[in-house]
Amino acid sequence: MITYNDIYESARKERYSEQLQPIAKNFVVEVANYIADKKEIATKQDDVFSDSIIKTKKQLENALTLFKELMLRRRKKILNLVLIAAETGISKQDFNNMLSFEKDLFEEIMKCIDFSDKKLSELLKGKEERQTKNDLALFLNNVEEFVGLEGNKMGPYEKGQIVNLPKEIAKILIEDKKIELIIE
């Protein structure tokens, strides 16, 4: 069973160390049990134990604050590890000190950075990002046939109809309050 002092010590060690500190694999579950126990005690309405209830409430508040601080510091350290791993290619540093959900976070962020690096590389090599030329629009009113920007006939369109329109035409129809975009 975890105690307030265990939570305090874990937060203190994390605060004063640059490396991710080892904590028990079941630490979060133990903290959840501790918090549940303290909440149960804090919600009792006996006047006989009013001083101990007040003390328990304060201890619960402090434990929650310490736990949030601990998780925030660990997350910051994991983000720093991701940045280091992205630059150096070494991704297993402090991996043993991570909890399972932290390892998942690390791996997912690494995937995002890898994807971002590939996109950046493609842009640097001259590949342009694919821009959509059309917008999906919902007609708010009936619109008679009209001539598009390239001289082709468009319409007629009925109220409630969903159509894929060129961006320039969609912009004009939005200003006239004839359509609204479904997906931008």
C-alpha atoms as a PDB file:
ATOM      1  CA  MET A   1       0.000   0.000   0.000  1.00  0.00           C
ATOM      2  CA  ILE A   2       1.358   3.382  -1.014  1.00  0.00           C
ATOM      3  CA  THR A   3       1.472   6.294   1.431  1.00  0.00           C
ATOM      4  CA  TYR A   4       1.521  10.052   1.144  1.00  0.00           C
ATOM      5  CA  ASN A   5       5.278   9.964   1.843  1.00  0.00           C
ATOM      6  CA  ASP A   6       5.803   7.597  -1.111  1.00  0.00           C
ATOM      7  CA  ILE A   7       4.022  10.027  -3.430  1.00  0.00           C
ATOM      8  CA  TYR A   8       5.986  12.931  -1.959  1.00  0.00           C
ATOM      9  CA  GLU A   9       9.322  11.140  -2.356  1.00  0.00           C
ATOM     10  CA  SER A  10       8.582  10.162  -5.957  1.00  0.00           C
ATOM     11  CA  ALA A  11       7.683  13.759  -6.817  1.00  0.00           C
ATOM     12  CA  ARG A  12      10.771  15.085  -5.004  1.00  0.00           C
ATOM     13  CA  LYS A  13      13.132  12.678  -6.801  1.00  0.00           C
ATOM     14  CA  GLU A  14      11.596  13.560 -10.174  1.00  0.00           C
ATOM     15  CA  ARG A  15      11.853  17.284  -9.424  1.00  0.00           C
ATOM     16  CA  TYR A  16      15.560  17.223  -8.576  1.00  0.00           C
ATOM     17  CA  SER A  17      16.810  14.841 -11.247  1.00  0.00           C
ATOM     18  CA  GLU A  18      17.303  15.411 -14.932  1.00  0.00           C
ATOM     19  CA  GLN A  19      16.799  11.726 -15.774  1.00  0.00           C
ATOM     20  CA  LEU A  20      13.474   9.963 -15.668  1.00  0.00           C
ATOM     21  CA  GLN A  21      13.291   8.314 -12.262  1.00  0.00           C
ATOM     22  CA  PRO A  22      12.278   4.679 -11.801  1.00  0.00           C
ATOM     23  CA  ILE A  23       8.918   4.119 -10.156  1.00  0.00           C
ATOM     24  CA  ALA A  24       7.010   0.923  -9.521  1.00  0.00           C
ATOM     25  CA  LYS A  25       5.075  -0.432 -12.498  1.00  0.00           C
ATOM     26  CA  ASN A  26       1.877  -0.422 -10.434  1.00  0.00           C
ATOM     27  CA  PHE A  27       2.502   3.080  -9.016  1.00  0.00           C
ATOM     28  CA  VAL A  28      -0.475   4.717 -10.739  1.00  0.00           C
ATOM     29  CA  VAL A  29      -2.838   1.953  -9.597  1.00  0.00           C
ATOM     30  CA  GLU A  30      -1.520   2.273  -6.038  1.00  0.00           C
ATOM     31  CA  VAL A  31      -2.004   6.057  -6.132  1.00  0.00           C
ATOM     32  CA  ALA A  32      -5.553   5.565  -7.416  1.00  0.00           C
ATOM     33  CA  ASN A  33      -6.277   3.210  -4.494  1.00  0.00           C
ATOM     34  CA  TYR A  34      -4.704   5.664  -2.037  1.00  0.00           C
ATOM     35  CA  ILE A  35      -6.823   8.527  -3.391  1.00  0.00           C
ATOM     36  CA  ALA A  36      -9.990   6.431  -3.278  1.00  0.00           C
ATOM     37  CA  ASP A  37      -9.295   5.485   0.347  1.00  0.00           C
ATOM     38  CA  LYS A  38      -8.634   9.087   1.357  1.00  0.00           C
ATOM     39  CA  LYS A  39     -11.759  10.308  -0.462  1.00  0.00           C
ATOM     40  CA  GLU A  40     -13.830   7.731   1.409  1.00  0.00           C
ATOM     41  CA  ILE A  41     -12.439   8.896   4.758  1.00  0.00           C
ATOM     42  CA  ALA A  42     -12.816  12.576   3.822  1.00  0.00           C
ATOM     43  CA  THR A  43     -16.502  12.195   2.960  1.00  0.00           C
ATOM     44  CA  LYS A  44     -17.490  10.760   6.358  1.00  0.00           C
ATOM     45  CA  GLN A  45     -19.684  13.118   8.344  1.00  0.00           C
ATOM     46  CA  ASP A  46     -18.718  12.141  11.920  1.00  0.00           C
ATOM     47  CA  ASP A  47     -17.985  15.133  14.157  1.00  0.00           C
ATOM     48  CA  VAL A  48     -15.885  12.932  16.458  1.00  0.00           C
ATOM     49  CA  PHE A  49     -13.209  12.661  13.799  1.00  0.00           C
ATOM     50  CA  SER A  50     -13.555  16.180  12.395  1.00  0.00           C
ATOM     51  CA  ASP A  51      -9.879  17.078  12.957  1.00  0.00           C
ATOM     52  CA  SER A  52      -8.714  13.880  11.314  1.00  0.00           C
ATOM     53  CA  ILE A  53     -11.174  14.416   8.441  1.00  0.00           C
ATOM     54  CA  ILE A  54      -9.814  17.929   7.865  1.00  0.00           C
ATOM     55  CA  LYS A  55      -6.268  16.569   7.974  1.00  0.00           C
ATOM     56  CA  THR A  56      -7.202  13.779   5.538  1.00  0.00           C
ATOM     57  CA  LYS A  57      -8.806  16.258   3.116  1.00  0.00           C
ATOM     58  CA  LYS A  58      -5.672  18.409   3.161  1.00  0.00           C
ATOM     59  CA  GLN A  59      -3.466  15.348   2.670  1.00  0.00           C
ATOM     60  CA  LEU A  60      -5.672  14.268  -0.250  1.00  0.00           C
ATOM     61  CA  GLU A  61      -5.386  17.697  -1.897  1.00  0.00           C
ATOM     62  CA  ASN A  62      -1.608  17.688  -1.446  1.00  0.00           C
ATOM     63  CA  ALA A  63      -1.292  14.129  -2.746  1.00  0.00           C
ATOM     64  CA  LEU A  64      -3.283  15.026  -5.872  1.00  0.00           C
ATOM     65  CA  THR A  65      -1.129  18.109  -6.453  1.00  0.00           C
ATOM     66  CA  LEU A  66       2.079  16.113  -6.013  1.00  0.00           C
ATOM     67  CA  PHE A  67       0.870  13.357  -8.316  1.00  0.00           C
ATOM     68  CA  LYS A  68      -0.090  15.857 -11.050  1.00  0.00           C
ATOM     69  CA  GLU A  69       3.306  17.534 -10.697  1.00  0.00           C
ATOM     70  CA  LEU A  70       5.047  14.155 -10.900  1.00  0.00           C
ATOM     71  CA  MET A  71       3.196  13.169 -14.079  1.00  0.00           C
ATOM     72  CA  LEU A  72       3.796  16.584 -15.660  1.00  0.00           C
ATOM     73  CA  ARG A  73       7.538  16.436 -14.954  1.00  0.00           C
ATOM     74  CA  ARG A  74       7.725  12.886 -16.327  1.00  0.00           C
ATOM     75  CA  ARG A  75       5.863  13.971 -19.465  1.00  0.00           C
ATOM     76  CA  LYS A  76       8.277  16.883 -19.983  1.00  0.00           C
ATOM     77  CA  LYS A  77      11.230  14.528 -19.620  1.00  0.00           C
ATOM     78  CA  ILE A  78       9.682  12.108 -22.100  1.00  0.00           C
ATOM     79  CA  LEU A  79       9.199  14.950 -24.597  1.00  0.00           C
ATOM     80  CA  ASN A  80      12.859  15.887 -24.153  1.00  0.00           C
ATOM     81  CA  LEU A  81      13.822  12.243 -24.730  1.00  0.00           C
ATOM     82  CA  VAL A  82      11.740  12.238 -27.907  1.00  0.00           C
ATOM     83  CA  LEU A  83      13.559  15.320 -29.190  1.00  0.00           C
ATOM     84  CA  ILE A  84      16.936  13.781 -28.378  1.00  0.00           C
ATOM     85  CA  ALA A  85      15.931  10.487 -29.997  1.00  0.00           C
ATOM     86  CA  ALA A  86      14.676  12.293 -33.110  1.00  0.00           C
ATOM     87  CA  GLU A  87      18.017  14.072 -33.519  1.00  0.00           C
ATOM     88  CA  THR A  88      20.375  11.264 -32.573  1.00  0.00           C
ATOM     89  CA  GLY A  89      18.424   8.184 -33.550  1.00  0.00           C
ATOM     90  CA  ILE A  90      18.902   6.740 -30.068  1.00  0.00           C
ATOM     91  CA  SER A  91      15.470   6.076 -28.630  1.00  0.00           C
ATOM     92  CA  LYS A  92      15.987   3.644 -25.767  1.00  0.00           C
ATOM     93  CA  GLN A  93      17.531   6.033 -23.245  1.00  0.00           C
ATOM     94  CA  ASP A  94      15.566   5.890 -19.964  1.00  0.00           C
ATOM     95  CA  PHE A  95      13.117   3.524 -21.656  1.00  0.00           C
ATOM     96  CA  ASN A  96      13.357   1.127 -18.703  1.00  0.00           C
ATOM     97  CA  ASN A  97      12.183   3.840 -16.290  1.00  0.00           C
ATOM     98  CA  MET A  98       9.005   4.523 -18.270  1.00  0.00           C
ATOM     99  CA  LEU A  99       5.634   3.141 -17.321  1.00  0.00           C
ATOM    100  CA  SER A 100       3.798   1.245 -20.070  1.00  0.00           C
ATOM    101  CA  PHE A 101       1.544   4.178 -21.025  1.00  0.00           C
ATOM    102  CA  GLU A 102       4.608   6.441 -21.091  1.00  0.00           C
ATOM    103  CA  LYS A 103       6.328   4.051 -23.499  1.00  0.00           C
ATOM    104  CA  ASP A 104       3.239   4.203 -25.713  1.00  0.00           C
ATOM    105  CA  LEU A 105       3.321   8.007 -25.554  1.00  0.00           C
ATOM    106  CA  PHE A 106       7.007   8.005 -26.482  1.00  0.00           C
ATOM    107  CA  GLU A 107       6.461   5.668 -29.457  1.00  0.00           C
ATOM    108  CA  GLU A 108       3.441   7.608 -30.758  1.00  0.00           C
ATOM    109  CA  ILE A 109       5.244  10.948 -30.583  1.00  0.00           C
ATOM    110  CA  MET A 110       8.250   9.388 -32.336  1.00  0.00           C
ATOM    111  CA  LYS A 111       5.930   8.230 -35.144  1.00  0.00           C
ATOM    112  CA  CYS A 112       4.519  11.749 -35.466  1.00  0.00           C
ATOM    113  CA  ILE A 113       7.994  13.277 -35.614  1.00  0.00           C
ATOM    114  CA  ASP A 114       9.115  10.715 -38.207  1.00  0.00           C
ATOM    115  CA  PHE A 115       6.038  11.523 -40.319  1.00  0.00           C
ATOM    116  CA  SER A 116       6.689  15.253 -39.947  1.00  0.00           C
ATOM    117  CA  ASP A 117      10.347  14.798 -40.916  1.00  0.00           C
ATOM    118  CA  LYS A 118       9.319  12.873 -44.048  1.00  0.00           C
ATOM    119  CA  LYS A 119       6.902  15.651 -45.048  1.00  0.00           C
ATOM    120  CA  LEU A 120       9.592  18.271 -44.461  1.00  0.00           C
ATOM    121  CA  SER A 121      12.057  16.264 -46.522  1.00  0.00           C
ATOM    122  CA  GLU A 122       9.545  15.976 -49.380  1.00  0.00           C
ATOM    123  CA  LEU A 123       8.936  19.731 -49.317  1.00  0.00           C
ATOM    124  CA  LEU A 124      12.674  20.402 -49.365  1.00  0.00           C
ATOM    125  CA  LYS A 125      13.023  18.085 -52.364  1.00  0.00           C
ATOM    126  CA  GLY A 126      10.487  20.163 -54.260  1.00  0.00           C
ATOM    127  CA  LYS A 127       7.355  18.096 -53.803  1.00  0.00           C
ATOM    128  CA  GLU A 128       4.505  20.471 -53.123  1.00  0.00           C
ATOM    129  CA  GLU A 129       1.797  19.751 -50.644  1.00  0.00           C
ATOM    130  CA  ARG A 130      -1.376  18.647 -52.333  1.00  0.00           C
ATOM    131  CA  GLN A 131      -3.932  21.405 -52.033  1.00  0.00           C
ATOM    132  CA  THR A 132      -7.583  20.644 -52.419  1.00  0.00           C
ATOM    133  CA  LYS A 133      -9.258  22.594 -55.190  1.00  0.00           C
ATOM    134  CA  ASN A 134     -12.834  21.914 -54.121  1.00  0.00           C
ATOM    135  CA  ASP A 135     -15.053  22.315 -51.077  1.00  0.00           C
ATOM    136  CA  LEU A 136     -17.958  20.124 -50.063  1.00  0.00           C
ATOM    137  CA  ALA A 137     -20.968  22.403 -49.708  1.00  0.00           C
ATOM    138  CA  LEU A 138     -24.605  22.207 -48.624  1.00  0.00           C
ATOM    139  CA  PHE A 139     -27.025  24.424 -50.540  1.00  0.00           C
ATOM    140  CA  LEU A 140     -29.176  26.543 -48.222  1.00  0.00           C
ATOM    141  CA  ASN A 141     -31.411  27.797 -51.067  1.00  0.00           C
ATOM    142  CA  ASN A 142     -32.352  26.791 -54.591  1.00  0.00           C
ATOM    143  CA  VAL A 143     -29.790  28.173 -57.053  1.00  0.00           C
ATOM    144  CA  GLU A 144     -30.466  28.425 -60.770  1.00  0.00           C
ATOM    145  CA  GLU A 145     -27.975  27.399 -63.441  1.00  0.00           C
ATOM    146  CA  PHE A 146     -24.952  29.716 -63.752  1.00  0.00           C
ATOM    147  CA  VAL A 147     -21.669  29.891 -65.631  1.00  0.00           C
ATOM    148  CA  GLY A 148     -18.547  28.840 -63.710  1.00  0.00           C
ATOM    149  CA  LEU A 149     -15.160  30.568 -63.760  1.00  0.00           C
ATOM    150  CA  GLU A 150     -13.963  28.418 -66.640  1.00  0.00           C
ATOM    151  CA  GLY A 151     -17.053  29.117 -68.751  1.00  0.00           C
ATOM    152  CA  ASN A 152     -18.840  25.831 -68.044  1.00  0.00           C
ATOM    153  CA  LYS A 153     -22.460  25.635 -66.920  1.00  0.00           C
ATOM    154  CA  MET A 154     -23.111  24.714 -63.298  1.00  0.00           C
ATOM    155  CA  GLY A 155     -26.385  23.837 -61.632  1.00  0.00           C
ATOM    156  CA  PRO A 156     -29.200  24.188 -61.086  1.00  0.00           C
ATOM    157  CA  TYR A 157     -28.954  23.176 -57.416  1.00  0.00           C
ATOM    158  CA  GLU A 158     -31.742  22.531 -54.940  1.00  0.00           C
ATOM    159  CA  LYS A 159     -31.947  23.419 -51.264  1.00  0.00           C
ATOM    160  CA  GLY A 160     -30.381  20.631 -49.160  1.00  0.00           C
ATOM    161  CA  GLN A 161     -28.258  19.298 -52.029  1.00  0.00           C
ATOM    162  CA  ILE A 162     -24.616  18.491 -51.230  1.00  0.00           C
ATOM    163  CA  VAL A 163     -22.136  19.317 -53.990  1.00  0.00           C
ATOM    164  CA  ASN A 164     -18.378  19.400 -54.471  1.00  0.00           C
ATOM    165  CA  LEU A 165     -17.643  22.960 -55.715  1.00  0.00           C
ATOM    166  CA  PRO A 166     -14.452  24.766 -56.753  1.00  0.00           C
ATOM    167  CA  LYS A 167     -13.118  26.890 -53.867  1.00  0.00           C
ATOM    168  CA  GLU A 168     -13.523  30.200 -55.715  1.00  0.00           C
ATOM    169  CA  ILE A 169     -17.183  29.557 -56.511  1.00  0.00           C
ATOM    170  CA  ALA A 170     -17.830  28.256 -53.003  1.00  0.00           C
ATOM    171  CA  LYS A 171     -16.396  31.495 -51.581  1.00  0.00           C
ATOM    172  CA  ILE A 172     -18.783  33.587 -53.687  1.00  0.00           C
ATOM    173  CA  LEU A 173     -21.795  31.441 -52.767  1.00  0.00           C
ATOM    174  CA  ILE A 174     -20.880  31.590 -49.060  1.00  0.00           C
ATOM    175  CA  GLU A 175     -20.767  35.392 -49.214  1.00  0.00           C
ATOM    176  CA  ASP A 176     -24.229  35.349 -50.825  1.00  0.00           C
ATOM    177  CA  LYS A 177     -25.397  32.965 -48.053  1.00  0.00           C
ATOM    178  CA  LYS A 178     -26.471  30.382 -50.613  1.00  0.00           C
ATOM    179  CA  ILE A 179     -24.290  27.550 -49.229  1.00  0.00           C
ATOM    180  CA  GLU A 180     -22.386  26.497 -46.145  1.00  0.00           C
ATOM    181  CA  LEU A 181     -19.296  24.325 -46.148  1.00  0.00           C
ATOM    182  CA  ILE A 182     -19.602  20.817 -44.763  1.00  0.00           C
ATOM    183  CA  ILE A 183     -15.875  20.123 -44.547  1.00  0.00           C
ATOM    184  CA  GLU A 184     -13.180  22.746 -44.935  1.00  0.00           C
END
